[in-house]
Amino acid sequence: MPQEVSTPMPSFWRHPIRYLYLWVLSWARSPWSGWGLFGLAFAESSFFPIPPDVLLIALGISIPKKAFKYALICTLGSLLGAGLGYLLGWAFYEAVGQSIIGFYGLESGFARVQDLYNQNAWLALIIAGFTPIPYKVFTLAAGVCRISLPVFFLASAIGRAGRFFLVGALIYLFGARIKTFIDKYFNLLTIIFTVLFILGFIVIKWVV
């Protein structure tokens, strides 16, 4: 189990972002942190709402020399999770996948993603893998649309690796300063993170 951090945990319902931030940091201090990062990246690509970037950053700034290792762990976990999302869309969409999409209220966005796949599945997957757009929507839709597995995994690898290794490179180069920046501007960063996270859902639901 992850170790507790010294800062008292706030109420999830009153301060959800702060709560999740501290919970993520508790995993960063755990001897199982690598597996925690892998599991979070795996789950986020198929059904879980919290992106793995926060834990990736927390682990990277603790040991900047291992930033690329953590980026690789994150990428591999995300790709395997994408495979699960594809399977859920391909074989279990009515039983499981549809409930996941309905939980996030993204039914109309899901239909639009299917249209995007008909236009250019390769480009849609790369963009979705690199941006804050909830990737689980694309992995589920890829299974429903029977996207070619080589295209699916190669495009996913490019998008996911590009995103996570960019974070890893910044941490490797500016690790100590990034940590200071995060500590100093935590409130601003949580606002930015929240806005990006919400915008990802809005893009899928109303724009994409």
C-alpha atoms as a PDB file:
ATOM      1  CA  MET A   1       0.000   0.000   0.000  1.00  0.00           C
ATOM      2  CA  PRO A   2       1.227   3.557  -0.676  1.00  0.00           C
ATOM      3  CA  GLN A   3       2.719   5.436   2.243  1.00  0.00           C
ATOM      4  CA  GLU A   4       0.864   8.341   3.749  1.00  0.00           C
ATOM      5  CA  VAL A   5       2.168  11.835   3.157  1.00  0.00           C
ATOM      6  CA  SER A   6       2.780  14.234   5.998  1.00  0.00           C
ATOM      7  CA  THR A   7       0.225  16.748   4.743  1.00  0.00           C
ATOM      8  CA  PRO A   8      -3.249  15.909   6.118  1.00  0.00           C
ATOM      9  CA  MET A   9      -5.599  14.608   3.460  1.00  0.00           C
ATOM     10  CA  PRO A  10      -8.468  17.024   2.816  1.00  0.00           C
ATOM     11  CA  SER A  11     -12.037  15.930   2.232  1.00  0.00           C
ATOM     12  CA  PHE A  12     -12.472  14.587  -1.294  1.00  0.00           C
ATOM     13  CA  TRP A  13     -15.886  16.200  -1.658  1.00  0.00           C
ATOM     14  CA  ARG A  14     -14.688  19.641  -0.522  1.00  0.00           C
ATOM     15  CA  HIS A  15     -11.279  19.685  -2.270  1.00  0.00           C
ATOM     16  CA  PRO A  16     -11.230  16.913  -4.895  1.00  0.00           C
ATOM     17  CA  ILE A  17      -8.250  18.187  -6.891  1.00  0.00           C
ATOM     18  CA  ARG A  18      -6.087  18.702  -3.815  1.00  0.00           C
ATOM     19  CA  TYR A  19      -7.175  15.304  -2.483  1.00  0.00           C
ATOM     20  CA  LEU A  20      -6.209  13.547  -5.727  1.00  0.00           C
ATOM     21  CA  TYR A  21      -2.920  15.427  -5.893  1.00  0.00           C
ATOM     22  CA  LEU A  22      -1.913  14.286  -2.394  1.00  0.00           C
ATOM     23  CA  TRP A  23      -3.122  10.756  -3.076  1.00  0.00           C
ATOM     24  CA  VAL A  24      -0.975  10.635  -6.195  1.00  0.00           C
ATOM     25  CA  LEU A  25       2.018  11.921  -4.243  1.00  0.00           C
ATOM     26  CA  SER A  26       1.506   9.142  -1.711  1.00  0.00           C
ATOM     27  CA  TRP A  27       2.019   6.632  -4.518  1.00  0.00           C
ATOM     28  CA  ALA A  28       5.140   8.485  -5.586  1.00  0.00           C
ATOM     29  CA  ARG A  29       6.628   7.691  -2.150  1.00  0.00           C
ATOM     30  CA  SER A  30       5.649   4.046  -2.310  1.00  0.00           C
ATOM     31  CA  PRO A  31       8.076   1.229  -3.220  1.00  0.00           C
ATOM     32  CA  TRP A  32       5.343   0.152  -5.650  1.00  0.00           C
ATOM     33  CA  SER A  33       5.306   3.540  -7.405  1.00  0.00           C
ATOM     34  CA  GLY A  34       6.355   2.121 -10.774  1.00  0.00           C
ATOM     35  CA  TRP A  35       3.506  -0.379 -10.721  1.00  0.00           C
ATOM     36  CA  GLY A  36       1.164   2.356  -9.557  1.00  0.00           C
ATOM     37  CA  LEU A  37       2.117   4.471 -12.569  1.00  0.00           C
ATOM     38  CA  PHE A  38       1.702   1.496 -14.892  1.00  0.00           C
ATOM     39  CA  GLY A  39      -1.707   0.671 -13.434  1.00  0.00           C
ATOM     40  CA  LEU A  40      -2.932   4.252 -13.604  1.00  0.00           C
ATOM     41  CA  ALA A  41      -1.816   4.612 -17.237  1.00  0.00           C
ATOM     42  CA  PHE A  42      -3.437   1.258 -18.065  1.00  0.00           C
ATOM     43  CA  ALA A  43      -6.759   2.169 -16.459  1.00  0.00           C
ATOM     44  CA  GLU A  44      -6.916   5.684 -17.904  1.00  0.00           C
ATOM     45  CA  SER A  45      -6.771   4.398 -21.478  1.00  0.00           C
ATOM     46  CA  SER A  46      -9.793   2.181 -21.069  1.00  0.00           C
ATOM     47  CA  PHE A  47     -12.117   3.296 -18.281  1.00  0.00           C
ATOM     48  CA  PHE A  48     -10.568   5.408 -15.472  1.00  0.00           C
ATOM     49  CA  PRO A  49     -11.033   9.234 -15.476  1.00  0.00           C
ATOM     50  CA  ILE A  50      -7.727  10.379 -13.932  1.00  0.00           C
ATOM     51  CA  PRO A  51      -4.799  10.829 -16.361  1.00  0.00           C
ATOM     52  CA  PRO A  52      -1.385   9.431 -15.345  1.00  0.00           C
ATOM     53  CA  ASP A  53       0.541  12.651 -15.982  1.00  0.00           C
ATOM     54  CA  VAL A  54       0.358  13.838 -12.379  1.00  0.00           C
ATOM     55  CA  LEU A  55       2.001  10.669 -11.053  1.00  0.00           C
ATOM     56  CA  LEU A  56       4.517  10.716 -13.905  1.00  0.00           C
ATOM     57  CA  ILE A  57       5.523  14.259 -12.922  1.00  0.00           C
ATOM     58  CA  ALA A  58       5.638  13.416  -9.220  1.00  0.00           C
ATOM     59  CA  LEU A  59       7.897  10.422  -9.808  1.00  0.00           C
ATOM     60  CA  GLY A  60      10.057  12.230 -12.324  1.00  0.00           C
ATOM     61  CA  ILE A  61      10.792  15.220 -10.143  1.00  0.00           C
ATOM     62  CA  SER A  62      11.695  12.909  -7.256  1.00  0.00           C
ATOM     63  CA  ILE A  63      14.401  11.224  -9.397  1.00  0.00           C
ATOM     64  CA  PRO A  64      14.915  13.271 -12.602  1.00  0.00           C
ATOM     65  CA  LYS A  65      17.489  10.775 -13.946  1.00  0.00           C
ATOM     66  CA  LYS A  66      14.710   8.177 -14.142  1.00  0.00           C
ATOM     67  CA  ALA A  67      12.268  10.475 -15.944  1.00  0.00           C
ATOM     68  CA  PHE A  68      12.570   8.595 -19.244  1.00  0.00           C
ATOM     69  CA  LYS A  69      12.150   5.258 -17.483  1.00  0.00           C
ATOM     70  CA  TYR A  70       8.904   6.497 -15.944  1.00  0.00           C
ATOM     71  CA  ALA A  71       7.780   7.867 -19.309  1.00  0.00           C
ATOM     72  CA  LEU A  72       8.373   4.412 -20.820  1.00  0.00           C
ATOM     73  CA  ILE A  73       6.408   2.720 -18.021  1.00  0.00           C
ATOM     74  CA  CYS A  74       3.584   5.188 -18.565  1.00  0.00           C
ATOM     75  CA  THR A  75       3.600   4.604 -22.335  1.00  0.00           C
ATOM     76  CA  LEU A  76       3.565   0.805 -22.023  1.00  0.00           C
ATOM     77  CA  GLY A  77       0.773   0.864 -19.451  1.00  0.00           C
ATOM     78  CA  SER A  78      -1.259   3.211 -21.611  1.00  0.00           C
ATOM     79  CA  LEU A  79      -0.815   1.050 -24.720  1.00  0.00           C
ATOM     80  CA  LEU A  80      -1.904  -2.109 -22.908  1.00  0.00           C
ATOM     81  CA  GLY A  81      -4.860  -0.204 -21.486  1.00  0.00           C
ATOM     82  CA  ALA A  82      -5.679   0.974 -24.993  1.00  0.00           C
ATOM     83  CA  GLY A  83      -5.764  -2.681 -26.011  1.00  0.00           C
ATOM     84  CA  LEU A  84      -8.302  -3.365 -23.264  1.00  0.00           C
ATOM     85  CA  GLY A  85     -10.364  -0.402 -24.416  1.00  0.00           C
ATOM     86  CA  TYR A  86     -10.271  -1.754 -27.971  1.00  0.00           C
ATOM     87  CA  LEU A  87     -11.386  -5.187 -26.740  1.00  0.00           C
ATOM     88  CA  LEU A  88     -14.256  -3.678 -24.739  1.00  0.00           C
ATOM     89  CA  GLY A  89     -15.416  -1.787 -27.813  1.00  0.00           C
ATOM     90  CA  TRP A  90     -14.955  -4.736 -30.151  1.00  0.00           C
ATOM     91  CA  ALA A  91     -16.555  -7.534 -28.109  1.00  0.00           C
ATOM     92  CA  PHE A  92     -18.259  -6.027 -25.051  1.00  0.00           C
ATOM     93  CA  TYR A  93     -19.502  -2.602 -26.069  1.00  0.00           C
ATOM     94  CA  GLU A  94     -23.169  -3.201 -25.248  1.00  0.00           C
ATOM     95  CA  ALA A  95     -22.353  -4.989 -21.999  1.00  0.00           C
ATOM     96  CA  VAL A  96     -19.537  -2.754 -20.689  1.00  0.00           C
ATOM     97  CA  GLY A  97     -18.306  -0.090 -23.110  1.00  0.00           C
ATOM     98  CA  GLN A  98     -21.641   1.632 -23.498  1.00  0.00           C
ATOM     99  CA  SER A  99     -21.887   2.047 -19.719  1.00  0.00           C
ATOM    100  CA  ILE A 100     -18.441   3.689 -19.628  1.00  0.00           C
ATOM    101  CA  ILE A 101     -19.405   6.183 -22.328  1.00  0.00           C
ATOM    102  CA  GLY A 102     -22.742   6.834 -20.637  1.00  0.00           C
ATOM    103  CA  PHE A 103     -21.062   7.422 -17.266  1.00  0.00           C
ATOM    104  CA  TYR A 104     -19.130  10.348 -18.734  1.00  0.00           C
ATOM    105  CA  GLY A 105     -22.090  11.607 -20.767  1.00  0.00           C
ATOM    106  CA  LEU A 106     -20.183  11.311 -24.034  1.00  0.00           C
ATOM    107  CA  GLU A 107     -22.678   9.485 -26.230  1.00  0.00           C
ATOM    108  CA  SER A 108     -22.836  12.205 -28.897  1.00  0.00           C
ATOM    109  CA  GLY A 109     -19.073  12.651 -28.830  1.00  0.00           C
ATOM    110  CA  PHE A 110     -18.619   8.911 -29.240  1.00  0.00           C
ATOM    111  CA  ALA A 111     -20.642   9.009 -32.442  1.00  0.00           C
ATOM    112  CA  ARG A 112     -18.496  11.884 -33.706  1.00  0.00           C
ATOM    113  CA  VAL A 113     -15.323   9.932 -32.975  1.00  0.00           C
ATOM    114  CA  GLN A 114     -16.685   7.141 -35.157  1.00  0.00           C
ATOM    115  CA  ASP A 115     -17.071   9.700 -37.958  1.00  0.00           C
ATOM    116  CA  LEU A 116     -13.484  10.840 -37.441  1.00  0.00           C
ATOM    117  CA  TYR A 117     -12.286   7.267 -37.811  1.00  0.00           C
ATOM    118  CA  ASN A 118     -14.084   7.003 -41.127  1.00  0.00           C
ATOM    119  CA  GLN A 119     -12.274  10.161 -42.279  1.00  0.00           C
ATOM    120  CA  ASN A 120      -8.745   9.530 -40.947  1.00  0.00           C
ATOM    121  CA  ALA A 121      -8.301   7.010 -38.149  1.00  0.00           C
ATOM    122  CA  TRP A 122      -4.510   7.370 -38.148  1.00  0.00           C
ATOM    123  CA  LEU A 123      -4.522  11.128 -37.529  1.00  0.00           C
ATOM    124  CA  ALA A 124      -7.417  10.982 -35.057  1.00  0.00           C
ATOM    125  CA  LEU A 125      -5.598   8.442 -32.878  1.00  0.00           C
ATOM    126  CA  ILE A 126      -2.300  10.340 -32.867  1.00  0.00           C
ATOM    127  CA  ILE A 127      -3.945  13.634 -31.911  1.00  0.00           C
ATOM    128  CA  ALA A 128      -6.116  12.011 -29.253  1.00  0.00           C
ATOM    129  CA  GLY A 129      -3.125  10.193 -27.769  1.00  0.00           C
ATOM    130  CA  PHE A 130      -1.091  13.375 -27.426  1.00  0.00           C
ATOM    131  CA  THR A 131      -3.731  15.807 -26.140  1.00  0.00           C
ATOM    132  CA  PRO A 132      -5.881  15.985 -22.956  1.00  0.00           C
ATOM    133  CA  ILE A 133      -8.822  14.481 -24.879  1.00  0.00           C
ATOM    134  CA  PRO A 134     -10.054  11.425 -22.891  1.00  0.00           C
ATOM    135  CA  TYR A 135      -8.315   8.616 -24.747  1.00  0.00           C
ATOM    136  CA  LYS A 136     -10.692   5.937 -23.513  1.00  0.00           C
ATOM    137  CA  VAL A 137     -13.359   7.301 -25.871  1.00  0.00           C
ATOM    138  CA  PHE A 138     -11.075   6.686 -28.823  1.00  0.00           C
ATOM    139  CA  THR A 139      -9.969   3.221 -27.738  1.00  0.00           C
ATOM    140  CA  LEU A 140     -13.545   2.063 -27.241  1.00  0.00           C
ATOM    141  CA  ALA A 141     -14.644   3.575 -30.549  1.00  0.00           C
ATOM    142  CA  ALA A 142     -11.691   1.954 -32.309  1.00  0.00           C
ATOM    143  CA  GLY A 143     -12.944  -1.458 -31.240  1.00  0.00           C
ATOM    144  CA  VAL A 144     -16.491  -0.694 -32.300  1.00  0.00           C
ATOM    145  CA  CYS A 145     -15.273   0.527 -35.694  1.00  0.00           C
ATOM    146  CA  ARG A 146     -12.901  -2.426 -36.117  1.00  0.00           C
ATOM    147  CA  ILE A 147      -9.918  -0.162 -36.757  1.00  0.00           C
ATOM    148  CA  SER A 148      -6.904  -2.075 -38.066  1.00  0.00           C
ATOM    149  CA  LEU A 149      -4.849  -3.261 -35.077  1.00  0.00           C
ATOM    150  CA  PRO A 150      -1.480  -2.256 -36.601  1.00  0.00           C
ATOM    151  CA  VAL A 151      -2.839   1.240 -37.283  1.00  0.00           C
ATOM    152  CA  PHE A 152      -4.412   1.423 -33.848  1.00  0.00           C
ATOM    153  CA  PHE A 153      -1.340   0.413 -31.875  1.00  0.00           C
ATOM    154  CA  LEU A 154       1.217   2.284 -33.985  1.00  0.00           C
ATOM    155  CA  ALA A 155      -0.766   5.542 -33.932  1.00  0.00           C
ATOM    156  CA  SER A 156      -1.447   5.088 -30.218  1.00  0.00           C
ATOM    157  CA  ALA A 157       2.252   4.497 -29.562  1.00  0.00           C
ATOM    158  CA  ILE A 158       3.212   7.684 -31.420  1.00  0.00           C
ATOM    159  CA  GLY A 159       0.634   9.821 -29.627  1.00  0.00           C
ATOM    160  CA  ARG A 160       1.109   8.392 -26.151  1.00  0.00           C
ATOM    161  CA  ALA A 161       4.911   8.215 -26.318  1.00  0.00           C
ATOM    162  CA  GLY A 162       5.083  11.736 -27.715  1.00  0.00           C
ATOM    163  CA  ARG A 163       3.055  13.048 -24.800  1.00  0.00           C
ATOM    164  CA  PHE A 164       4.735  11.160 -21.966  1.00  0.00           C
ATOM    165  CA  PHE A 165       8.303  11.444 -23.250  1.00  0.00           C
ATOM    166  CA  LEU A 166       7.847  15.184 -23.723  1.00  0.00           C
ATOM    167  CA  VAL A 167       6.966  15.403 -20.036  1.00  0.00           C
ATOM    168  CA  GLY A 168       9.891  13.115 -19.218  1.00  0.00           C
ATOM    169  CA  ALA A 169      12.324  15.247 -21.234  1.00  0.00           C
ATOM    170  CA  LEU A 170      11.244  18.443 -19.483  1.00  0.00           C
ATOM    171  CA  ILE A 171      11.646  16.791 -16.102  1.00  0.00           C
ATOM    172  CA  TYR A 172      15.039  15.319 -17.041  1.00  0.00           C
ATOM    173  CA  LEU A 173      16.326  18.703 -18.179  1.00  0.00           C
ATOM    174  CA  PHE A 174      14.708  20.961 -15.577  1.00  0.00           C
ATOM    175  CA  GLY A 175      13.684  18.571 -12.795  1.00  0.00           C
ATOM    176  CA  ALA A 176      14.616  20.592  -9.707  1.00  0.00           C
ATOM    177  CA  ARG A 177      13.317  23.841 -11.136  1.00  0.00           C
ATOM    178  CA  ILE A 178      10.077  22.215 -12.250  1.00  0.00           C
ATOM    179  CA  LYS A 179       9.523  20.905  -8.727  1.00  0.00           C
ATOM    180  CA  THR A 180      10.073  24.388  -7.296  1.00  0.00           C
ATOM    181  CA  PHE A 181       7.728  25.822  -9.892  1.00  0.00           C
ATOM    182  CA  ILE A 182       5.024  23.266  -9.079  1.00  0.00           C
ATOM    183  CA  ASP A 183       5.367  23.896  -5.342  1.00  0.00           C
ATOM    184  CA  LYS A 184       5.220  27.668  -5.815  1.00  0.00           C
ATOM    185  CA  TYR A 185       2.364  27.770  -8.313  1.00  0.00           C
ATOM    186  CA  PHE A 186       0.346  24.755  -7.180  1.00  0.00           C
ATOM    187  CA  ASN A 187      -3.007  26.562  -7.163  1.00  0.00           C
ATOM    188  CA  LEU A 188      -2.487  27.932 -10.667  1.00  0.00           C
ATOM    189  CA  LEU A 189      -1.354  24.564 -11.983  1.00  0.00           C
ATOM    190  CA  THR A 190      -4.342  22.761 -10.518  1.00  0.00           C
ATOM    191  CA  ILE A 191      -6.625  25.262 -12.222  1.00  0.00           C
ATOM    192  CA  ILE A 192      -4.831  24.765 -15.548  1.00  0.00           C
ATOM    193  CA  PHE A 193      -4.886  20.984 -15.126  1.00  0.00           C
ATOM    194  CA  THR A 194      -8.592  21.026 -14.310  1.00  0.00           C
ATOM    195  CA  VAL A 195      -9.410  23.292 -17.252  1.00  0.00           C
ATOM    196  CA  LEU A 196      -7.476  21.068 -19.663  1.00  0.00           C
ATOM    197  CA  PHE A 197      -9.133  17.965 -18.278  1.00  0.00           C
ATOM    198  CA  ILE A 198     -12.614  19.465 -18.634  1.00  0.00           C
ATOM    199  CA  LEU A 199     -11.815  20.850 -22.084  1.00  0.00           C
ATOM    200  CA  GLY A 200     -10.896  17.365 -23.188  1.00  0.00           C
ATOM    201  CA  PHE A 201     -14.405  16.171 -22.410  1.00  0.00           C
ATOM    202  CA  ILE A 202     -15.954  19.283 -23.965  1.00  0.00           C
ATOM    203  CA  VAL A 203     -13.996  18.736 -27.173  1.00  0.00           C
ATOM    204  CA  ILE A 204     -15.345  15.210 -27.440  1.00  0.00           C
ATOM    205  CA  LYS A 205     -18.915  16.090 -26.460  1.00  0.00           C
ATOM    206  CA  TRP A 206     -19.480  19.362 -28.337  1.00  0.00           C
ATOM    207  CA  VAL A 207     -16.695  20.083 -30.797  1.00  0.00           C
ATOM    208  CA  VAL A 208     -15.059  16.951 -32.125  1.00  0.00           C
END
